[in-house]
Amino acid sequence: MRKPRDLSFTGKIGAYIVLTAFTLFAIYPILRVFTISLRPGDRLLSKSLAIIPENATLETYIKLFTQEPFLQWMINSLIISACVMLVGVGLAATAGYAFSRYKFRGRETSMFALITTQMFPLTMLLLPLFIMLIKLKLYDSYIGLIIAYSATALPFTTWQMKGYYDTIPYSLEEAASIDGCSPFATFWRIVLPLAAPALVITALFSFMTAWSEYLVAAVLIQDQNLFTLPLGLKTFQSAMETSWGLYSAGAIMVSLPVVALFLVLSRWLISGLTLGSVKG
């Protein structure tokens, strides 16, 4: 393998300029949303380009938590996202291990079926999900939404875990077997700790699948007491007007947990995304 060449000083400066420009381009819309959330009087437009507007106020944030059921929406989203994360990690970890280590009839067909489901747009799956959950009497419930999100995330996370297991030398499991470990003990004590970065990726992807999703929730949830954050934010918009201050403050609050997770798990994310894509 050829060793990558080091960039010259001029090349490094150019790379930093390009990366800085892309970073500013990416975060500017977020800064504008933050600015709108601080403006008094629920105003969307302003002649000023300042990030912190004149007469900035936290009124919309206070109203969001005191006059709107935002905390209830957040609790609903946390419950659903946490359950989807646990289901996703549990099933993807075991299914990915089976696909990576065992040869069985229908293995290739099952793997192909999993990846094929990712080729269909989500809108095509809404009607079958809707009919299935009504027949199971799980429509308009936590469990129904958890099943829908888990089914959406599982194909990708299973392939992600399989790819990572493929990078773990099988000789480690053989050595554990010689020492008297059962297959499950080998999986639990040897393989899973080594696959921790991939488990973090799987957990984060499963969590994000449910945390900010709107379309499936809008179809499967009608009870306002079960509204998730995206459904709740939609109530700030009506046919006649939109509460831009509340909408912006809510959007900022929705994004904070995901940003915090990325920052806390960043060291796991890099290794999990790279090692799982290379075999050997």
Protein backbone atom coordinates (compact mmCIF):
# COMPACT_ATOMS: atom_id res chain seq x y z
CA MET A 1 0.00 0.00 0.00
CA ARG A 2 1.36 3.39 -0.96
CA LYS A 3 2.04 5.77 1.90
CA PRO A 4 0.06 9.00 1.54
CA ARG A 5 2.21 12.01 0.80
CA ASP A 6 2.42 14.84 3.33
CA LEU A 7 0.83 18.08 2.20
CA SER A 8 3.08 21.06 1.67
CA PHE A 9 2.62 24.16 3.81
CA THR A 10 0.61 25.83 1.03
CA GLY A 11 -1.51 22.71 0.63
CA LYS A 12 -2.25 22.61 4.35
CA ILE A 13 -3.29 26.26 4.34
CA GLY A 14 -5.58 25.63 1.37
CA ALA A 15 -7.08 22.57 3.04
CA TYR A 16 -7.75 24.50 6.24
CA ILE A 17 -9.42 27.32 4.30
CA VAL A 18 -11.67 24.90 2.41
CA LEU A 19 -12.60 22.96 5.56
CA THR A 20 -13.28 26.17 7.47
CA ALA A 21 -15.52 27.42 4.67
CA PHE A 22 -17.51 24.17 4.64
CA THR A 23 -17.80 24.24 8.43
CA LEU A 24 -19.15 27.79 8.44
CA PHE A 25 -21.53 26.89 5.62
CA ALA A 26 -22.83 23.95 7.67
CA ILE A 27 -23.29 25.73 11.00
CA TYR A 28 -24.62 29.07 9.71
CA PRO A 29 -28.26 27.88 9.40
CA ILE A 30 -28.08 26.57 12.98
CA LEU A 31 -26.79 29.92 14.20
CA ARG A 32 -29.65 31.71 12.42
CA VAL A 33 -32.19 29.40 14.09
CA PHE A 34 -30.57 30.20 17.44
CA THR A 35 -30.80 33.92 16.62
CA ILE A 36 -34.52 33.64 15.84
CA SER A 37 -35.11 31.87 19.17
CA LEU A 38 -33.60 34.88 21.01
CA ARG A 39 -35.53 37.61 19.18
CA PRO A 40 -38.31 39.33 21.09
CA GLY A 41 -41.74 39.51 19.55
CA ASP A 42 -41.66 36.21 17.62
CA ARG A 43 -40.04 37.78 14.53
CA LEU A 44 -38.62 35.66 11.72
CA LEU A 45 -36.87 38.32 9.63
CA SER A 46 -34.47 41.07 10.63
CA LYS A 47 -32.13 43.51 8.89
CA SER A 48 -29.36 42.70 11.35
CA LEU A 49 -26.95 39.80 10.75
CA ALA A 50 -25.81 39.67 14.38
CA ILE A 51 -25.87 36.21 15.96
CA ILE A 52 -27.03 37.66 19.29
CA PRO A 53 -29.87 40.04 18.36
CA GLU A 54 -30.55 43.38 19.97
CA ASN A 55 -32.73 43.05 23.08
CA ALA A 56 -32.10 39.29 23.11
CA THR A 57 -34.39 37.40 25.47
CA LEU A 58 -34.92 33.84 26.73
CA GLU A 59 -38.67 34.38 26.79
CA THR A 60 -39.36 31.73 24.14
CA TYR A 61 -37.33 29.11 26.05
CA ILE A 62 -39.17 29.91 29.28
CA LYS A 63 -42.51 29.72 27.49
CA LEU A 64 -41.48 26.45 25.83
CA PHE A 65 -41.03 24.73 29.19
CA THR A 66 -43.74 26.48 31.22
CA GLN A 67 -46.65 26.96 28.81
CA GLU A 68 -46.16 24.11 26.34
CA PRO A 69 -45.99 20.32 27.00
CA PHE A 70 -42.41 20.24 25.73
CA LEU A 71 -41.13 18.16 28.65
CA GLN A 72 -43.81 15.54 27.96
CA TRP A 73 -42.77 15.40 24.31
CA MET A 74 -39.15 15.00 25.36
CA ILE A 75 -39.99 12.20 27.80
CA ASN A 76 -41.96 10.39 25.09
CA SER A 77 -39.06 10.73 22.66
CA LEU A 78 -36.55 9.54 25.27
CA ILE A 79 -38.63 6.46 26.13
CA ILE A 80 -39.13 5.49 22.49
CA SER A 81 -35.55 6.26 21.42
CA ALA A 82 -34.05 4.39 24.39
CA CYS A 83 -36.19 1.32 23.69
CA VAL A 84 -35.32 1.39 19.99
CA MET A 85 -31.64 1.69 20.93
CA LEU A 86 -31.80 -1.31 23.28
CA VAL A 87 -33.70 -3.44 20.77
CA GLY A 88 -31.37 -2.38 17.96
CA VAL A 89 -28.18 -3.13 19.89
CA GLY A 90 -29.45 -6.47 21.19
CA LEU A 91 -30.74 -7.82 17.88
CA ALA A 92 -28.00 -6.35 15.66
CA ALA A 93 -25.22 -7.62 17.95
CA THR A 94 -26.52 -11.20 17.92
CA ALA A 95 -27.72 -11.30 14.30
CA GLY A 96 -24.51 -9.72 13.02
CA TYR A 97 -22.46 -12.29 14.94
CA ALA A 98 -24.47 -15.15 13.47
CA PHE A 99 -24.00 -13.86 9.93
CA SER A 100 -20.28 -13.33 10.51
CA ARG A 101 -19.35 -16.59 12.23
CA TYR A 102 -21.86 -19.28 11.24
CA LYS A 103 -22.67 -20.94 7.93
CA PHE A 104 -26.30 -22.00 7.67
CA ARG A 105 -28.94 -22.59 5.03
CA GLY A 106 -30.46 -19.33 3.84
CA ARG A 107 -27.59 -17.20 5.18
CA GLU A 108 -26.83 -15.43 1.91
CA THR A 109 -30.52 -15.01 1.11
CA SER A 110 -31.20 -13.49 4.53
CA MET A 111 -28.31 -11.06 4.20
CA PHE A 112 -29.50 -10.05 0.74
CA ALA A 113 -33.05 -9.57 2.04
CA LEU A 114 -31.78 -7.29 4.81
CA ILE A 115 -29.86 -5.05 2.46
CA THR A 116 -32.72 -5.06 -0.06
CA THR A 117 -35.08 -3.50 2.47
CA GLN A 118 -32.81 -0.45 2.56
CA MET A 119 -33.46 0.16 -1.15
CA PHE A 120 -37.14 0.98 -0.63
CA PRO A 121 -38.18 4.49 0.45
CA LEU A 122 -39.80 4.79 3.85
CA THR A 123 -43.07 6.00 2.33
CA MET A 124 -43.56 2.58 0.68
CA LEU A 125 -43.46 0.88 4.08
CA LEU A 126 -45.93 3.17 5.84
CA LEU A 127 -49.12 1.49 4.60
CA PRO A 128 -47.99 -2.08 5.46
CA LEU A 129 -46.81 -0.88 8.88
CA PHE A 130 -50.09 0.95 9.44
CA ILE A 131 -52.20 -2.11 8.56
CA MET A 132 -50.02 -4.50 10.56
CA LEU A 133 -50.09 -2.39 13.73
CA ILE A 134 -53.87 -1.91 13.53
CA LYS A 135 -54.37 -5.68 13.26
CA LEU A 136 -52.02 -6.23 16.20
CA LYS A 137 -53.90 -3.52 18.16
CA LEU A 138 -50.65 -1.60 18.58
CA TYR A 139 -51.67 1.50 16.63
CA ASP A 140 -51.28 4.77 18.54
CA SER A 141 -48.98 3.26 21.18
CA TYR A 142 -45.38 3.31 22.35
CA ILE A 143 -44.86 -0.33 21.39
CA GLY A 144 -46.15 0.14 17.85
CA LEU A 145 -43.80 3.05 17.20
CA ILE A 146 -40.87 1.18 18.77
CA ILE A 147 -41.51 -1.80 16.47
CA ALA A 148 -41.69 0.45 13.41
CA TYR A 149 -38.45 2.27 14.21
CA SER A 150 -36.61 -0.92 15.17
CA ALA A 151 -37.60 -2.56 11.89
CA THR A 152 -36.32 0.50 10.03
CA ALA A 153 -32.93 0.63 11.76
CA LEU A 154 -32.17 -3.08 12.12
CA PRO A 155 -31.02 -3.95 8.55
CA PHE A 156 -28.27 -1.31 8.51
CA THR A 157 -27.12 -1.97 12.08
CA THR A 158 -26.97 -5.73 11.46
CA TRP A 159 -24.70 -5.21 8.46
CA GLN A 160 -22.63 -2.74 10.47
CA MET A 161 -22.09 -5.26 13.26
CA LYS A 162 -21.31 -8.08 10.83
CA GLY A 163 -18.67 -5.96 9.13
CA TYR A 164 -17.03 -5.24 12.46
CA TYR A 165 -17.12 -8.86 13.61
CA ASP A 166 -15.34 -9.81 10.39
CA THR A 167 -12.34 -7.73 11.52
CA ILE A 168 -12.00 -9.63 14.83
CA PRO A 169 -9.62 -12.62 14.45
CA TYR A 170 -11.43 -15.92 14.87
CA SER A 171 -8.31 -17.30 16.56
CA LEU A 172 -9.29 -15.40 19.72
CA GLU A 173 -12.52 -17.36 19.92
CA GLU A 174 -10.73 -20.63 19.24
CA ALA A 175 -8.31 -19.89 22.08
CA ALA A 176 -11.22 -19.12 24.42
CA SER A 177 -12.92 -22.36 23.40
CA ILE A 178 -9.76 -24.33 24.20
CA ASP A 179 -9.71 -22.68 27.64
CA GLY A 180 -13.20 -24.02 28.28
CA CYS A 181 -15.44 -21.07 27.34
CA SER A 182 -18.87 -21.93 25.97
CA PRO A 183 -19.95 -20.29 22.68
CA PHE A 184 -22.10 -17.78 24.56
CA ALA A 185 -19.36 -17.01 27.10
CA THR A 186 -16.92 -16.46 24.24
CA PHE A 187 -19.35 -14.08 22.57
CA TRP A 188 -20.13 -12.22 25.80
CA ARG A 189 -16.66 -12.00 27.35
CA ILE A 190 -14.37 -11.88 24.31
CA VAL A 191 -16.17 -10.66 21.20
CA LEU A 192 -18.54 -8.01 22.57
CA PRO A 193 -15.84 -6.04 24.45
CA LEU A 194 -13.74 -5.98 21.29
CA ALA A 195 -16.76 -4.81 19.30
CA ALA A 196 -17.51 -1.89 21.65
CA PRO A 197 -16.93 0.82 18.99
CA ALA A 198 -19.41 -0.87 16.64
CA LEU A 199 -21.91 -1.21 19.47
CA VAL A 200 -21.66 2.53 20.08
CA ILE A 201 -22.31 3.22 16.39
CA THR A 202 -25.29 0.86 16.45
CA ALA A 203 -26.69 2.46 19.59
CA LEU A 204 -26.29 5.99 18.25
CA PHE A 205 -27.82 5.18 14.86
CA SER A 206 -30.79 3.42 16.49
CA PHE A 207 -31.30 6.35 18.87
CA MET A 208 -31.20 8.92 16.07
CA THR A 209 -33.60 6.86 13.94
CA ALA A 210 -36.32 7.46 16.51
CA TRP A 211 -35.29 10.77 18.09
CA SER A 212 -35.94 13.19 15.22
CA GLU A 213 -38.22 11.15 12.91
CA TYR A 214 -41.52 12.78 11.93
CA LEU A 215 -43.26 10.94 9.07
CA VAL A 216 -43.77 7.52 10.70
CA ALA A 217 -44.80 9.11 14.01
CA ALA A 218 -47.33 11.36 12.25
CA VAL A 219 -49.00 8.30 10.69
CA LEU A 220 -48.89 5.98 13.70
CA ILE A 221 -49.54 8.39 16.61
CA GLN A 222 -52.74 10.41 17.09
CA ASP A 223 -52.96 10.72 20.88
CA GLN A 224 -51.43 14.08 21.82
CA ASN A 225 -50.23 12.62 25.13
CA LEU A 226 -47.94 10.33 23.09
CA PHE A 227 -46.54 13.04 20.81
CA THR A 228 -42.80 12.91 20.25
CA LEU A 229 -40.65 16.02 19.80
CA PRO A 230 -41.08 16.32 16.00
CA LEU A 231 -44.86 15.97 16.32
CA GLY A 232 -44.90 18.51 19.12
CA LEU A 233 -42.89 21.05 17.14
CA LYS A 234 -45.37 20.69 14.28
CA THR A 235 -48.13 22.02 16.56
CA PHE A 236 -46.38 25.42 16.55
CA GLN A 237 -47.31 25.70 12.87
CA SER A 238 -50.87 26.26 11.70
CA ALA A 239 -52.58 27.23 8.46
CA MET A 240 -52.68 30.88 9.54
CA GLU A 241 -49.42 31.44 11.41
CA THR A 242 -46.24 29.88 12.75
CA SER A 243 -44.77 30.56 16.17
CA TRP A 244 -41.23 31.01 14.88
CA GLY A 245 -39.73 31.78 18.27
CA LEU A 246 -41.10 28.62 19.88
CA TYR A 247 -40.33 26.60 16.76
CA SER A 248 -36.70 27.74 16.77
CA ALA A 249 -36.22 27.29 20.51
CA GLY A 250 -37.70 23.81 20.27
CA ALA A 251 -35.45 22.91 17.34
CA ILE A 252 -32.37 23.98 19.31
CA MET A 253 -33.43 21.95 22.35
CA VAL A 254 -34.13 18.88 20.20
CA SER A 255 -30.64 18.99 18.70
CA LEU A 256 -28.75 19.37 21.99
CA PRO A 257 -29.00 15.73 23.21
CA VAL A 258 -27.74 14.39 19.87
CA VAL A 259 -24.84 16.86 19.82
CA ALA A 260 -23.96 15.88 23.39
CA LEU A 261 -23.98 12.19 22.47
CA PHE A 262 -21.69 12.82 19.51
CA LEU A 263 -19.24 14.76 21.68
CA VAL A 264 -19.19 12.15 24.45
CA LEU A 265 -18.87 9.19 22.06
CA SER A 266 -16.62 10.80 19.45
CA ARG A 267 -13.58 8.64 20.21
CA TRP A 268 -15.68 5.50 19.71
CA LEU A 269 -17.35 6.78 16.56
CA ILE A 270 -14.16 7.16 14.52
CA SER A 271 -12.87 3.64 15.16
CA GLY A 272 -16.34 2.14 14.82
CA LEU A 273 -16.95 3.67 11.40
CA THR A 274 -13.52 2.86 9.94
CA LEU A 275 -12.68 -0.61 11.26
CA GLY A 276 -16.10 -1.99 10.39
CA SER A 277 -15.55 -1.22 6.73
CA VAL A 278 -12.25 -3.12 6.35
CA LYS A 279 -11.91 -6.88 6.60
CA GLY A 280 -8.74 -8.40 8.05
